[in-house]
Amino acid sequence: MDWQELQEAVINGQAEKVKQLTEAAIKAGEQPQTILQKGLIPAMAEVGERMKNQIFYVPEVLVAARAMKFGLNVLRPLLAESGAQPLAKMVLGTVKGDLHDIGKNLVGMMMEGAGFQVIDLGTDVSPQKFVEAVRQHGANMVGMSALLTTTMPAMRATIEALKEAGLRDQVKVMVGGAPVTQRYADEIGADGFAPDASWAVDKARQLLGVKVG
């Protein structure tokens, strides 16, 4: 299997080609986990690097992430059958009162591309909804996004709700969004802060002690 070809198809946003190459790899007898580890994950890691270095911007990342999803959709049922475990389960959402979702969606796509299972709760997510999702899915990460300074206090409220529910110790909490800073993350007791989607993957891996590769 030419992993380079699959990676380049993802990076270049060639969704149909990604789907075809993924299906061809399965027919050739490659394991779904191998296709993920050698094809899709390295491709999205490269996309993340290009975003950090300002070679790629949001449109290119969205197109690459969409292509990656075409491959992931082929693999997902097979991964479930094989009992393959994701790196971690992450509950993700834009906090209560905030309807912005481009940054949150980007983070979700990059996390999926890195091998995380993402439970995306959407926008305007209440602290209680975050708590319920963590409990229901046995998540070990929570990602919260806010674009408005007026909705940032909902991040603190969610962390408090996780404490009250006795779930705070089982999850690493990451926060992000345009007005959010490392200082604010420290203030509210979050475990990590990421300035954008490409750094979010690195931070998540760091918090969970997961090595790349």
Protein backbone atom coordinates (compact mmCIF):
# COMPACT_ATOMS: atom_id res chain seq x y z
CA MET A 1 0.00 0.00 0.00
CA ASP A 2 1.31 3.44 -0.96
CA TRP A 3 0.66 5.33 2.28
CA GLN A 4 2.19 8.47 0.79
CA GLU A 5 -0.53 8.57 -1.87
CA LEU A 6 -3.28 8.31 0.74
CA GLN A 7 -1.67 10.98 2.91
CA GLU A 8 -1.31 13.38 0.00
CA ALA A 9 -4.93 12.83 -1.03
CA VAL A 10 -6.02 13.85 2.48
CA ILE A 11 -3.69 16.86 2.61
CA ASN A 12 -4.89 18.02 -0.82
CA GLY A 13 -8.54 17.57 0.15
CA GLN A 14 -9.32 14.91 -2.47
CA ALA A 15 -12.24 13.36 -0.62
CA GLU A 16 -13.38 10.81 -3.22
CA LYS A 17 -9.80 9.68 -3.80
CA VAL A 18 -9.33 9.21 -0.05
CA LYS A 19 -12.44 7.06 0.07
CA GLN A 20 -11.31 4.96 -2.90
CA LEU A 21 -7.77 4.48 -1.56
CA THR A 22 -9.12 3.53 1.87
CA GLU A 23 -11.47 0.97 0.34
CA ALA A 24 -8.63 -0.37 -1.84
CA ALA A 25 -6.40 -0.75 1.21
CA ILE A 26 -9.10 -2.80 2.98
CA LYS A 27 -9.54 -5.00 -0.09
CA ALA A 28 -5.77 -5.50 -0.17
CA GLY A 29 -5.99 -6.91 3.36
CA GLU A 30 -4.73 -3.94 5.41
CA GLN A 31 -6.11 -3.69 8.94
CA PRO A 32 -8.37 -0.66 9.61
CA GLN A 33 -6.15 0.41 12.52
CA THR A 34 -3.09 0.30 10.24
CA ILE A 35 -4.81 2.46 7.62
CA LEU A 36 -5.67 4.96 10.34
CA GLN A 37 -2.16 4.97 11.85
CA LYS A 38 -0.19 5.02 8.59
CA GLY A 39 -2.52 6.97 6.32
CA LEU A 40 -5.05 9.30 7.94
CA ILE A 41 -3.37 10.27 11.21
CA PRO A 42 0.03 11.26 9.70
CA ALA A 43 -1.81 13.25 7.00
CA MET A 44 -3.76 15.27 9.55
CA ALA A 45 -0.59 15.73 11.63
CA GLU A 46 1.00 17.30 8.54
CA VAL A 47 -2.09 19.50 8.03
CA GLY A 48 -1.72 20.62 11.66
CA GLU A 49 1.95 21.49 11.12
CA ARG A 50 1.10 23.49 8.01
CA MET A 51 -1.57 25.37 9.97
CA LYS A 52 0.91 26.18 12.74
CA ASN A 53 3.41 27.45 10.18
CA GLN A 54 0.74 29.51 8.38
CA ILE A 55 1.10 27.55 5.15
CA PHE A 56 -2.49 26.34 5.57
CA TYR A 57 -5.37 28.47 6.82
CA VAL A 58 -8.91 27.56 7.90
CA PRO A 59 -10.27 26.84 4.36
CA GLU A 60 -7.46 24.39 3.52
CA VAL A 61 -7.76 22.68 6.90
CA LEU A 62 -11.53 22.28 6.51
CA VAL A 63 -11.10 20.75 3.04
CA ALA A 64 -8.42 18.33 4.27
CA ALA A 65 -10.51 17.40 7.32
CA ARG A 66 -13.51 16.71 5.10
CA ALA A 67 -11.38 14.40 2.95
CA MET A 68 -10.08 12.64 6.07
CA LYS A 69 -13.68 12.05 7.16
CA PHE A 70 -14.42 10.25 3.89
CA GLY A 71 -11.72 7.75 4.82
CA LEU A 72 -12.76 7.64 8.46
CA ASN A 73 -16.37 6.87 7.52
CA VAL A 74 -15.16 3.77 5.67
CA LEU A 75 -13.03 2.68 8.63
CA ARG A 76 -15.35 3.49 11.52
CA PRO A 77 -17.63 0.41 11.37
CA LEU A 78 -14.61 -1.85 10.84
CA LEU A 79 -12.75 -0.30 13.77
CA ALA A 80 -15.82 -0.84 15.96
CA GLU A 81 -16.03 -4.50 14.86
CA SER A 82 -12.36 -5.08 15.59
CA GLY A 83 -12.74 -3.58 19.08
CA ALA A 84 -10.03 -0.99 18.34
CA GLN A 85 -9.94 1.65 21.06
CA PRO A 86 -9.66 5.39 20.33
CA LEU A 87 -6.79 7.32 21.93
CA ALA A 88 -9.35 8.98 24.16
CA LYS A 89 -13.00 10.04 24.24
CA MET A 90 -13.50 13.77 24.10
CA VAL A 91 -16.75 15.62 24.78
CA LEU A 92 -16.63 18.86 22.81
CA GLY A 93 -18.90 21.88 22.67
CA THR A 94 -19.29 25.65 22.48
CA VAL A 95 -20.41 26.88 25.89
CA LYS A 96 -23.87 28.09 26.92
CA GLY A 97 -24.95 31.34 25.31
CA ASP A 98 -22.46 31.06 22.43
CA LEU A 99 -23.48 29.93 18.94
CA HIS A 100 -20.08 30.11 17.22
CA ASP A 101 -18.83 26.80 15.94
CA ILE A 102 -16.15 27.11 13.24
CA GLY A 103 -13.25 26.87 15.71
CA LYS A 104 -14.95 24.11 17.66
CA ASN A 105 -15.66 22.15 14.47
CA LEU A 106 -12.03 22.49 13.40
CA VAL A 107 -10.85 21.18 16.75
CA GLY A 108 -13.23 18.23 16.47
CA MET A 109 -11.99 17.35 12.99
CA MET A 110 -8.33 17.62 13.98
CA MET A 111 -8.93 15.47 17.08
CA GLU A 112 -10.72 12.81 15.02
CA GLY A 113 -7.86 12.91 12.55
CA ALA A 114 -5.46 12.24 15.43
CA GLY A 115 -7.35 9.13 16.56
CA PHE A 116 -9.62 10.58 19.25
CA GLN A 117 -13.31 9.74 19.49
CA VAL A 118 -15.17 13.06 19.53
CA ILE A 119 -18.65 13.48 20.99
CA ASP A 120 -19.64 16.87 19.56
CA LEU A 121 -22.46 18.47 21.56
CA GLY A 122 -22.72 21.47 19.22
CA THR A 123 -23.23 25.04 20.43
CA ASP A 124 -24.93 26.70 23.42
CA VAL A 125 -24.06 23.70 25.61
CA SER A 126 -25.07 23.99 29.26
CA PRO A 127 -22.78 22.80 32.08
CA GLN A 128 -25.30 20.04 32.84
CA LYS A 129 -25.21 18.79 29.26
CA PHE A 130 -21.41 18.53 29.42
CA VAL A 131 -21.71 16.58 32.69
CA GLU A 132 -24.33 14.21 31.28
CA ALA A 133 -22.23 13.52 28.17
CA VAL A 134 -19.09 12.77 30.22
CA ARG A 135 -21.07 10.37 32.37
CA GLN A 136 -22.87 8.71 29.44
CA HIS A 137 -19.80 8.17 27.26
CA GLY A 138 -17.16 7.64 29.95
CA ALA A 139 -15.18 10.48 28.40
CA ASN A 140 -11.70 11.34 29.63
CA MET A 141 -11.47 14.77 27.98
CA VAL A 142 -13.72 17.83 27.80
CA GLY A 143 -13.12 20.56 25.23
CA MET A 144 -14.91 23.90 25.60
CA SER A 145 -14.94 26.79 23.15
CA ALA A 146 -16.13 30.40 23.50
CA LEU A 147 -15.87 33.29 21.06
CA LEU A 148 -17.66 35.88 23.19
CA THR A 149 -16.15 37.29 26.38
CA THR A 150 -19.67 37.33 27.84
CA THR A 151 -19.95 33.52 27.56
CA MET A 152 -16.51 32.69 29.00
CA PRO A 153 -17.86 32.38 32.60
CA ALA A 154 -19.81 29.31 31.42
CA MET A 155 -16.44 27.53 31.22
CA ARG A 156 -15.90 28.03 34.95
CA ALA A 157 -19.50 26.97 35.63
CA THR A 158 -18.96 23.75 33.66
CA ILE A 159 -15.80 22.89 35.60
CA GLU A 160 -17.71 23.51 38.85
CA ALA A 161 -20.55 21.28 37.61
CA LEU A 162 -18.06 18.50 36.84
CA LYS A 163 -16.69 18.82 40.39
CA GLU A 164 -20.17 18.68 41.93
CA ALA A 165 -20.96 15.57 39.89
CA GLY A 166 -17.77 13.90 41.14
CA LEU A 167 -16.42 13.66 37.57
CA ARG A 168 -13.71 16.32 37.57
CA ASP A 169 -10.90 13.87 38.41
CA GLN A 170 -11.69 11.55 35.49
CA VAL A 171 -11.41 14.21 32.77
CA LYS A 172 -8.82 16.60 31.44
CA VAL A 173 -10.47 19.93 30.59
CA MET A 174 -9.24 21.99 27.65
CA VAL A 175 -10.49 25.46 26.73
CA GLY A 176 -10.05 27.68 23.70
CA GLY A 177 -11.54 30.41 21.53
CA ALA A 178 -10.49 33.90 20.45
CA PRO A 179 -10.82 35.71 23.83
CA VAL A 180 -9.54 32.79 25.93
CA THR A 181 -5.98 32.88 27.27
CA GLN A 182 -3.68 30.59 29.23
CA ARG A 183 -4.12 32.93 32.19
CA TYR A 184 -7.90 32.54 32.07
CA ALA A 185 -7.56 28.75 31.75
CA ASP A 186 -5.39 28.75 34.90
CA GLU A 187 -7.86 31.03 36.72
CA ILE A 188 -10.85 28.73 36.18
CA GLY A 189 -8.95 25.53 36.89
CA ALA A 190 -8.79 24.10 33.35
CA ASP A 191 -6.03 21.60 32.60
CA GLY A 192 -5.04 23.10 29.28
CA PHE A 193 -5.45 25.89 26.74
CA ALA A 194 -4.89 25.82 22.99
CA PRO A 195 -4.77 28.93 20.80
CA ASP A 196 -6.06 27.04 17.75
CA ALA A 197 -7.06 23.61 16.42
CA SER A 198 -3.57 22.47 15.46
CA TRP A 199 -2.21 23.14 18.94
CA ALA A 200 -5.27 21.51 20.52
CA VAL A 201 -4.16 18.05 19.36
CA ASP A 202 -0.67 18.54 20.80
CA LYS A 203 -2.07 19.79 24.09
CA ALA A 204 -4.55 16.91 24.35
CA ARG A 205 -1.80 14.35 23.74
CA GLN A 206 0.40 16.08 26.30
CA LEU A 207 -2.35 16.11 28.94
CA LEU A 208 -3.06 12.43 28.42
CA GLY A 209 0.62 11.45 28.18
CA VAL A 210 0.10 10.03 24.68
CA LYS A 211 3.17 9.80 22.46
CA VAL A 212 2.87 10.41 18.73
CA GLY A 213 3.43 7.36 16.50
